[in-house]
Amino acid sequence: GAGHNDVELYNQYLDRLKHFVSVELVN
């Protein structure tokens, strides 16, 4: 139960991190 939720949160974190990095590189 909790393990699956952690994976979901981790995936969301990675997506935000990738987006942040791409925006920083463009700017």
N, C-alpha and C. Protein backbone atom coordinates (compact mmCIF):
# COMPACT_ATOMS: atom_id res chain seq x y z
N GLY A 1 0.83 -1.21 0.00
CA GLY A 1 0.00 0.00 0.00
C GLY A 1 0.86 1.25 0.00
N ALA A 2 1.62 1.47 1.06
CA ALA A 2 2.43 2.68 1.18
C ALA A 2 3.53 2.70 0.12
N GLY A 3 4.06 1.52 -0.20
CA GLY A 3 5.14 1.44 -1.19
C GLY A 3 4.70 1.99 -2.54
N HIS A 4 3.50 1.61 -2.96
CA HIS A 4 3.00 2.09 -4.26
C HIS A 4 2.83 3.60 -4.23
N ASN A 5 2.33 4.12 -3.12
CA ASN A 5 2.12 5.57 -2.98
C ASN A 5 3.46 6.29 -3.07
N ASP A 6 4.49 5.73 -2.45
CA ASP A 6 5.81 6.34 -2.50
C ASP A 6 6.31 6.42 -3.94
N VAL A 7 6.05 5.37 -4.71
CA VAL A 7 6.48 5.35 -6.11
C VAL A 7 5.77 6.46 -6.89
N GLU A 8 4.49 6.64 -6.63
CA GLU A 8 3.73 7.68 -7.32
C GLU A 8 4.29 9.06 -7.00
N LEU A 9 4.56 9.30 -5.72
CA LEU A 9 5.11 10.59 -5.31
C LEU A 9 6.49 10.80 -5.91
N TYR A 10 7.28 9.74 -5.97
CA TYR A 10 8.63 9.84 -6.52
C TYR A 10 8.58 10.17 -8.00
N ASN A 11 7.63 9.56 -8.72
CA ASN A 11 7.48 9.85 -10.15
C ASN A 11 7.08 11.31 -10.37
N GLN A 12 6.18 11.81 -9.53
CA GLN A 12 5.77 13.21 -9.64
C GLN A 12 6.96 14.12 -9.37
N TYR A 13 7.77 13.75 -8.38
CA TYR A 13 8.95 14.53 -8.04
C TYR A 13 9.93 14.57 -9.22
N LEU A 14 10.13 13.42 -9.86
CA LEU A 14 11.04 13.36 -11.00
C LEU A 14 10.53 14.22 -12.15
N ASP A 15 9.23 14.18 -12.40
CA ASP A 15 8.66 14.98 -13.49
C ASP A 15 8.87 16.47 -13.21
N ARG A 16 8.64 16.89 -11.98
CA ARG A 16 8.84 18.30 -11.64
C ARG A 16 10.31 18.68 -11.74
N LEU A 17 11.18 17.77 -11.32
CA LEU A 17 12.61 18.04 -11.37
C LEU A 17 13.07 18.19 -12.82
N LYS A 18 12.60 17.29 -13.68
CA LYS A 18 12.97 17.36 -15.11
C LYS A 18 12.48 18.67 -15.71
N HIS A 19 11.25 19.05 -15.39
CA HIS A 19 10.69 20.29 -15.91
C HIS A 19 11.50 21.48 -15.42
N PHE A 20 11.83 21.50 -14.14
CA PHE A 20 12.60 22.60 -13.56
C PHE A 20 13.96 22.71 -14.23
N VAL A 21 14.64 21.58 -14.41
CA VAL A 21 15.96 21.57 -15.03
C VAL A 21 15.88 22.06 -16.47
N SER A 22 14.88 21.60 -17.21
CA SER A 22 14.75 22.01 -18.62
C SER A 22 14.50 23.52 -18.71
N VAL A 23 13.68 24.05 -17.82
CA VAL A 23 13.39 25.49 -17.82
C VAL A 23 14.65 26.27 -17.47
N GLU A 24 15.39 25.80 -16.48
CA GLU A 24 16.62 26.48 -16.07
C GLU A 24 17.64 26.48 -17.20
N LEU A 25 17.74 25.39 -17.93
CA LEU A 25 18.70 25.30 -19.03
C LEU A 25 18.32 26.24 -20.16
N VAL A 26 17.02 26.35 -20.44
CA VAL A 26 16.56 27.24 -21.52
C VAL A 26 16.83 28.68 -21.14
N ASN A 27 16.58 29.03 -19.89
CA ASN A 27 16.79 30.40 -19.45
C ASN A 27 18.23 30.62 -19.06
